[in-house]
Amino acid sequence: MKKETKTKQAGKIKQIALERIKTLFEEADKAGKKEIKLANRYVHLARKISMKVKARIPSELKRRFCKHCYSYLIPSVNVRVRTQRGKVVYYCLNCKKYMRFPYIKEQKERRITKKAKNKY
């Protein structure tokens, strides 16, 4: 019997950690508006797991919590979402801080479709 190398073990551990992080965010989504403290706790646990294992939280999940106070964000409950100069701006109503995310990919796709329409 061959022993698994440390890199294979680390890969498996990171994969398990990512699955747990995703389930924690699903649970936070379910808790949502009813129990915000519980949703914040799920985010805290997911962050702890990612830091312990040194696994990155996927970008679609990163946008669901505040980068400053780490609270779970629910639009129109504790976050204001606006678009401004090619960016999506999240304003956390708990800590009163802004987070800006570019939406360059969407703009490029729009330009490409406009060029394609102009050709025909």
Protein backbone atom coordinates (compact mmCIF):
# COMPACT_ATOMS: atom_id res chain seq x y z
CA MET A 1 0.00 0.00 0.00
CA LYS A 2 1.27 3.40 -0.96
CA LYS A 3 1.03 6.31 1.41
CA GLU A 4 -0.56 9.46 0.09
CA THR A 5 1.74 12.39 -0.34
CA LYS A 6 1.18 15.56 1.64
CA THR A 7 0.11 17.50 -1.47
CA LYS A 8 -2.65 14.98 -2.23
CA GLN A 9 -3.81 15.13 1.39
CA ALA A 10 -3.76 18.93 1.32
CA GLY A 11 -5.78 18.94 -1.89
CA LYS A 12 -8.41 16.66 -0.37
CA ILE A 13 -8.56 18.77 2.78
CA LYS A 14 -9.02 21.97 0.75
CA GLN A 15 -11.76 20.32 -1.30
CA ILE A 16 -13.62 19.27 1.87
CA ALA A 17 -13.15 22.77 3.29
CA LEU A 18 -14.63 24.38 0.15
CA GLU A 19 -17.65 22.07 0.36
CA ARG A 20 -18.16 23.06 4.00
CA ILE A 21 -17.79 26.74 3.16
CA LYS A 22 -20.43 26.44 0.43
CA THR A 23 -22.84 24.63 2.77
CA LEU A 24 -22.30 27.28 5.45
CA PHE A 25 -23.20 30.01 2.96
CA GLU A 26 -26.29 28.04 1.90
CA GLU A 27 -27.33 27.84 5.55
CA ALA A 28 -26.67 31.56 5.99
CA ASP A 29 -28.88 32.20 2.97
CA LYS A 30 -31.65 30.08 4.50
CA ALA A 31 -31.37 31.85 7.86
CA GLY A 32 -31.34 35.17 5.99
CA LYS A 33 -33.82 37.78 7.13
CA LYS A 34 -35.18 35.76 10.05
CA GLU A 35 -32.00 35.37 12.06
CA ILE A 36 -29.24 37.72 10.94
CA LYS A 37 -27.01 36.83 13.91
CA LEU A 38 -27.08 33.17 12.88
CA ALA A 39 -26.23 34.07 9.27
CA ASN A 40 -23.31 36.20 10.53
CA ARG A 41 -22.12 33.25 12.62
CA TYR A 42 -22.15 31.00 9.54
CA VAL A 43 -20.03 33.54 7.67
CA HIS A 44 -17.62 33.71 10.62
CA LEU A 45 -17.27 29.91 10.64
CA ALA A 46 -16.73 29.80 6.86
CA ARG A 47 -13.99 32.42 7.12
CA LYS A 48 -12.34 30.49 9.96
CA ILE A 49 -12.31 27.31 7.90
CA SER A 50 -10.83 29.09 4.87
CA MET A 51 -8.09 30.69 6.97
CA LYS A 52 -7.25 27.46 8.77
CA VAL A 53 -6.89 25.45 5.55
CA LYS A 54 -5.59 28.41 3.47
CA ALA A 55 -8.36 27.90 0.92
CA ARG A 56 -9.83 30.83 -0.96
CA ILE A 57 -13.50 31.59 -0.63
CA PRO A 58 -15.01 31.63 -4.16
CA SER A 59 -15.61 35.13 -5.54
CA GLU A 60 -19.39 34.68 -5.82
CA LEU A 61 -19.47 33.93 -2.09
CA LYS A 62 -17.01 36.70 -1.17
CA ARG A 63 -19.51 39.28 -2.34
CA ARG A 64 -22.13 38.00 0.10
CA PHE A 65 -20.43 39.34 3.22
CA CYS A 66 -18.96 42.67 4.25
CA LYS A 67 -15.19 42.94 3.98
CA HIS A 68 -15.03 45.22 7.01
CA CYS A 69 -17.45 43.85 9.62
CA TYR A 70 -17.91 40.34 8.11
CA SER A 71 -21.69 40.44 8.36
CA TYR A 72 -23.84 38.48 5.91
CA LEU A 73 -25.29 40.90 3.35
CA ILE A 74 -28.96 40.83 2.41
CA PRO A 75 -29.98 43.48 -0.17
CA SER A 76 -32.39 46.12 1.17
CA VAL A 77 -32.04 44.74 4.71
CA ASN A 78 -28.46 45.55 5.63
CA VAL A 79 -26.82 46.50 2.32
CA ARG A 80 -27.52 49.08 -0.37
CA VAL A 81 -26.49 48.08 -3.91
CA ARG A 82 -25.81 50.70 -6.58
CA THR A 83 -23.96 50.92 -9.89
CA GLN A 84 -21.50 53.72 -10.44
CA ARG A 85 -18.92 54.32 -13.21
CA GLY A 86 -18.44 50.67 -14.19
CA LYS A 87 -18.58 49.36 -10.64
CA VAL A 88 -21.16 47.77 -8.39
CA VAL A 89 -21.04 49.56 -5.03
CA TYR A 90 -22.19 47.78 -1.86
CA TYR A 91 -22.85 50.04 1.13
CA CYS A 92 -23.04 48.08 4.38
CA LEU A 93 -25.66 49.55 6.68
CA ASN A 94 -24.07 47.90 9.75
CA CYS A 95 -20.59 49.41 9.60
CA LYS A 96 -21.28 52.23 7.07
CA LYS A 97 -18.43 51.20 4.74
CA TYR A 98 -18.33 50.83 0.95
CA MET A 99 -17.16 47.94 -1.18
CA ARG A 100 -16.65 48.36 -4.91
CA PHE A 101 -16.62 45.53 -7.45
CA PRO A 102 -15.91 46.14 -11.16
CA TYR A 103 -18.18 44.68 -13.79
CA ILE A 104 -15.79 44.87 -16.69
CA LYS A 105 -16.70 41.46 -18.16
CA GLU A 106 -20.31 42.48 -18.62
CA GLN A 107 -19.28 45.73 -20.32
CA LYS A 108 -16.93 43.89 -22.71
CA GLU A 109 -19.69 41.47 -23.66
CA ARG A 110 -22.05 44.39 -24.31
CA ARG A 111 -19.45 46.09 -26.56
CA ILE A 112 -18.89 42.87 -28.51
CA THR A 113 -22.61 42.39 -29.11
CA LYS A 114 -22.96 46.04 -30.24
CA LYS A 115 -20.10 45.59 -32.75
CA ALA A 116 -21.68 42.39 -34.04
CA LYS A 117 -25.04 44.15 -34.54
CA ASN A 118 -23.40 47.07 -36.36
CA LYS A 119 -21.71 44.74 -38.86
CA TYR A 120 -25.01 43.32 -40.05
